[in-house]
Amino acid sequence: MLLRTLVVAGMAATCSGCVGVIVEVPETQAIWQPVPLRAERFFGSAADRWACQQAPGRHAPLTKKEFLAAWGEPREKRANPLGETWIYAESGRWCGLVVFVLLPIPALLPVCETYDHVEFEGEQAMRSTSHRLIASGGGVAAAPPGGGAFSFRSGKVTENRSWIRRSGPPEQLACALPQAKSPASARSGPAPGPAPDRVNCVVAGKRQWTDRSNCD
């Protein structure tokens, strides 16, 4: 992740007369019915894993096959009472603070860890504990091409990226399902529409994902 750090510092250095700050620190979030995405980080550097939470009732939980297509094989798989927990993780992530007053003054160290612990019940991903880098920043550029104030905030759990512009044209931030890489990995079934009232409950003594009307 050193390359991403250098990109941020390099872009800050090209901002003539800039005064501002960028902060990136880890935070843990619990996500229900996670969707596996790849989200570009600040200044278009390499994309990170990004688990987001889809709107309640919009779709059934995603499956192991879809997580493999989006994120590849996990580092580790552990048994849990209802299925498996897949662990995706990295250590030695660069995080910290960059202050820039004409020139960037980084205070970054490779001491952070990021991970996603995805809990499957059978084949379906029901929840995730995600420890990821959350960032925000802003400042003022005195001269073109970056003239004027600029500001970013951290993405919310229901949004599709880690950095969100506070100004500028509206962005599409909804937690969209991952795009199929090939016909073999495409989601089956009809296109998204008004969703039934689906819940995870007990039917005939067995817990499963189904319409609420089928629950015991």
Protein backbone atom coordinates (compact mmCIF):
# COMPACT_ATOMS: atom_id res chain seq x y z
CA MET A 1 0.00 0.00 0.00
CA LEU A 2 3.04 2.27 -0.11
CA LEU A 3 2.14 3.13 -3.71
CA ARG A 4 -1.23 4.54 -2.62
CA THR A 5 0.48 6.64 0.07
CA LEU A 6 2.93 8.05 -2.47
CA VAL A 7 0.09 8.85 -4.86
CA VAL A 8 -1.74 10.82 -2.17
CA ALA A 9 1.41 12.70 -1.21
CA GLY A 10 2.28 13.36 -4.85
CA MET A 11 -1.14 14.74 -5.66
CA ALA A 12 -1.02 16.96 -2.59
CA ALA A 13 2.38 18.27 -3.65
CA THR A 14 1.02 19.34 -7.05
CA CYS A 15 -1.75 21.37 -5.38
CA SER A 16 -0.31 24.88 -5.53
CA GLY A 17 -0.88 26.77 -2.29
CA CYS A 18 -2.90 23.98 -0.66
CA VAL A 19 -3.72 23.92 3.02
CA GLY A 20 -5.55 20.92 4.39
CA VAL A 21 -5.49 17.50 6.00
CA ILE A 22 -6.22 13.86 5.08
CA VAL A 23 -6.88 11.26 7.80
CA GLU A 24 -7.17 7.51 7.27
CA VAL A 25 -7.67 5.19 10.26
CA PRO A 26 -9.18 1.71 10.78
CA GLU A 27 -12.71 1.20 12.10
CA THR A 28 -14.83 -1.91 12.67
CA GLN A 29 -18.38 -2.10 11.33
CA ALA A 30 -21.00 -4.84 11.54
CA ILE A 31 -22.76 -5.38 8.19
CA TRP A 32 -25.97 -7.34 7.66
CA GLN A 33 -26.38 -9.21 4.37
CA PRO A 34 -23.03 -7.96 2.95
CA VAL A 35 -22.30 -7.28 -0.71
CA PRO A 36 -18.66 -7.74 -1.86
CA LEU A 37 -17.42 -4.78 -3.92
CA ARG A 38 -14.11 -3.26 -4.98
CA ALA A 39 -14.01 0.45 -4.15
CA GLU A 40 -11.47 2.94 -5.53
CA ARG A 41 -9.75 4.97 -2.86
CA PHE A 42 -8.67 8.61 -2.74
CA PHE A 43 -7.17 10.01 -5.98
CA GLY A 44 -8.08 6.84 -7.90
CA SER A 45 -5.43 4.62 -6.33
CA ALA A 46 -5.74 0.83 -6.16
CA ALA A 47 -9.16 -0.50 -5.22
CA ASP A 48 -9.79 -2.13 -1.84
CA ARG A 49 -12.35 -4.69 -0.78
CA TRP A 50 -15.50 -2.91 0.31
CA ALA A 51 -18.37 -4.77 1.98
CA CYS A 52 -21.58 -2.76 1.94
CA GLN A 53 -25.06 -3.37 3.27
CA GLN A 54 -27.93 -3.60 0.81
CA ALA A 55 -31.32 -2.10 1.59
CA PRO A 56 -33.50 -4.38 3.77
CA GLY A 57 -35.64 -6.80 1.77
CA ARG A 58 -34.21 -5.87 -1.63
CA HIS A 59 -32.49 -9.17 -2.41
CA ALA A 60 -31.80 -12.52 -0.85
CA PRO A 61 -28.30 -12.79 0.69
CA LEU A 62 -25.44 -13.31 -1.74
CA THR A 63 -23.76 -16.68 -1.98
CA LYS A 64 -20.28 -18.15 -1.58
CA LYS A 65 -19.99 -18.31 -5.37
CA GLU A 66 -20.54 -14.57 -5.65
CA PHE A 67 -17.97 -13.78 -2.96
CA LEU A 68 -15.43 -15.96 -4.76
CA ALA A 69 -16.13 -14.12 -8.02
CA ALA A 70 -15.77 -10.68 -6.39
CA TRP A 71 -12.97 -11.21 -3.82
CA GLY A 72 -11.39 -14.55 -4.66
CA GLU A 73 -10.44 -17.23 -2.14
CA PRO A 74 -10.34 -16.12 1.53
CA ARG A 75 -7.20 -16.37 3.61
CA GLU A 76 -8.93 -18.75 6.01
CA LYS A 77 -12.22 -20.60 6.50
CA ARG A 78 -13.58 -21.42 9.96
CA ALA A 79 -16.61 -23.44 10.96
CA ASN A 80 -19.40 -21.59 12.77
CA PRO A 81 -22.60 -23.04 14.33
CA LEU A 82 -24.63 -22.47 11.14
CA GLY A 83 -22.02 -22.82 8.41
CA GLU A 84 -18.64 -21.16 7.74
CA THR A 85 -16.87 -17.87 8.39
CA TRP A 86 -14.58 -16.70 5.58
CA ILE A 87 -11.70 -14.45 6.58
CA TYR A 88 -10.16 -11.95 4.18
CA ALA A 89 -7.34 -9.96 5.81
CA GLU A 90 -4.22 -7.85 5.27
CA SER A 91 -1.64 -6.55 7.72
CA GLY A 92 0.93 -3.79 7.36
CA ARG A 93 -1.52 -1.28 5.88
CA TRP A 94 -0.36 2.34 5.74
CA CYS A 95 -2.61 4.66 7.71
CA GLY A 96 -2.47 7.87 9.66
CA LEU A 97 -2.41 11.56 8.83
CA VAL A 98 -1.21 13.77 5.98
CA VAL A 99 -1.12 17.51 6.64
CA PHE A 100 -0.24 19.78 3.76
CA VAL A 101 0.75 23.44 4.02
CA LEU A 102 2.10 24.08 0.52
CA LEU A 103 3.95 20.73 0.80
CA PRO A 104 2.63 17.44 2.27
CA ILE A 105 3.82 16.43 5.75
CA PRO A 106 2.90 12.71 6.10
CA ALA A 107 2.61 10.92 9.43
CA LEU A 108 1.85 7.44 8.03
CA LEU A 109 3.00 4.08 9.35
CA PRO A 110 2.45 0.51 8.06
CA VAL A 111 0.82 -0.58 11.32
CA CYS A 112 -2.85 -1.05 10.45
CA GLU A 113 -4.75 -4.25 9.75
CA THR A 114 -7.87 -4.64 7.63
CA TYR A 115 -10.19 -7.65 7.43
CA ASP A 116 -13.64 -8.91 6.54
CA HIS A 117 -15.05 -11.85 8.51
CA VAL A 118 -18.00 -13.02 6.41
CA GLU A 119 -20.42 -15.39 8.18
CA PHE A 120 -22.27 -17.84 5.94
CA GLU A 121 -25.35 -19.81 6.90
CA GLY A 122 -25.24 -22.66 4.43
CA GLU A 123 -24.36 -20.98 1.11
CA GLN A 124 -25.67 -17.51 2.02
CA ALA A 125 -23.69 -14.58 3.47
CA MET A 126 -25.75 -13.32 6.39
CA ARG A 127 -23.38 -10.87 8.10
CA SER A 128 -19.84 -9.52 8.11
CA THR A 129 -17.53 -7.94 10.66
CA SER A 130 -15.41 -5.54 8.61
CA HIS A 131 -12.33 -3.73 9.93
CA ARG A 132 -11.36 -1.30 7.20
CA LEU A 133 -9.68 2.03 6.57
CA ILE A 134 -12.08 4.93 7.02
CA ALA A 135 -10.94 8.27 5.66
CA SER A 136 -11.87 11.91 5.46
CA GLY A 137 -10.14 15.09 4.43
CA GLY A 138 -10.43 18.57 3.09
CA GLY A 139 -8.68 21.82 2.50
CA VAL A 140 -8.33 24.88 0.31
CA ALA A 141 -6.31 25.24 -2.89
CA ALA A 142 -5.21 28.78 -3.62
CA ALA A 143 -4.56 28.36 -7.34
CA PRO A 144 -5.66 26.23 -10.34
CA PRO A 145 -5.97 23.44 -11.24
CA GLY A 146 -7.17 22.65 -7.72
CA GLY A 147 -8.47 26.12 -6.88
CA GLY A 148 -11.16 26.45 -4.22
CA ALA A 149 -12.30 24.42 -1.25
CA PHE A 150 -12.50 20.63 -1.40
CA SER A 151 -13.76 18.08 1.09
CA PHE A 152 -14.28 14.32 1.38
CA ARG A 153 -16.01 12.15 3.95
CA SER A 154 -16.01 8.46 4.76
CA GLY A 155 -18.44 6.16 3.00
CA LYS A 156 -21.34 4.87 5.08
CA VAL A 157 -22.03 1.18 5.53
CA THR A 158 -24.82 1.37 2.91
CA GLU A 159 -22.69 3.20 0.31
CA ASN A 160 -20.58 1.72 -2.46
CA ARG A 161 -17.21 3.40 -1.82
CA SER A 162 -14.91 4.54 0.96
CA TRP A 163 -14.48 8.19 -0.08
CA ILE A 164 -17.43 10.49 -0.88
CA ARG A 165 -17.15 14.02 -2.30
CA ARG A 166 -19.01 16.60 -0.23
CA SER A 167 -19.40 18.89 -3.22
CA GLY A 168 -19.69 18.60 -6.97
CA PRO A 169 -22.12 16.62 -9.15
CA PRO A 170 -24.37 14.07 -7.39
CA GLU A 171 -22.92 10.57 -7.15
CA GLN A 172 -24.64 7.20 -7.27
CA LEU A 173 -23.88 5.82 -3.81
CA ALA A 174 -26.34 2.95 -3.42
CA CYS A 175 -24.93 -0.44 -2.50
CA ALA A 176 -25.29 -2.14 -5.88
CA LEU A 177 -24.87 -5.86 -6.42
CA PRO A 178 -21.48 -6.82 -7.91
CA GLN A 179 -21.30 -7.06 -11.69
CA ALA A 180 -21.03 -10.58 -13.08
CA LYS A 181 -17.60 -11.30 -14.57
CA SER A 182 -18.95 -13.85 -17.01
CA PRO A 183 -22.27 -15.54 -17.85
CA ALA A 184 -21.25 -18.41 -15.56
CA SER A 185 -21.07 -16.08 -12.54
CA ALA A 186 -24.19 -14.08 -13.29
CA ARG A 187 -26.96 -14.04 -10.72
CA SER A 188 -29.91 -16.22 -11.67
CA GLY A 189 -33.52 -15.16 -11.42
CA PRO A 190 -35.47 -12.10 -12.55
CA ALA A 191 -34.11 -8.56 -12.61
CA PRO A 192 -34.43 -6.64 -9.32
CA GLY A 193 -37.88 -5.26 -8.68
CA PRO A 194 -40.21 -4.76 -5.71
CA ALA A 195 -38.94 -7.32 -3.21
CA PRO A 196 -41.06 -9.70 -1.16
CA ASP A 197 -40.90 -9.56 2.62
CA ARG A 198 -38.05 -12.05 3.04
CA VAL A 199 -36.62 -12.99 6.44
CA ASN A 200 -34.32 -15.61 7.95
CA CYS A 201 -36.58 -17.76 10.13
CA VAL A 202 -37.52 -21.32 11.11
CA VAL A 203 -39.66 -23.32 8.65
CA ALA A 204 -40.63 -26.89 9.63
CA GLY A 205 -37.88 -26.92 12.25
CA LYS A 206 -35.13 -25.68 9.93
CA ARG A 207 -33.75 -22.13 9.69
CA GLN A 208 -33.72 -20.71 6.15
CA TRP A 209 -34.17 -17.55 4.06
CA THR A 210 -37.80 -17.35 2.91
CA ASP A 211 -40.94 -15.19 2.66
CA ARG A 212 -42.23 -14.09 6.06
CA SER A 213 -45.54 -15.83 5.42
CA ASN A 214 -43.79 -19.25 5.45
CA CYS A 215 -42.29 -18.87 8.94
CA ASP A 216 -43.49 -21.09 11.79
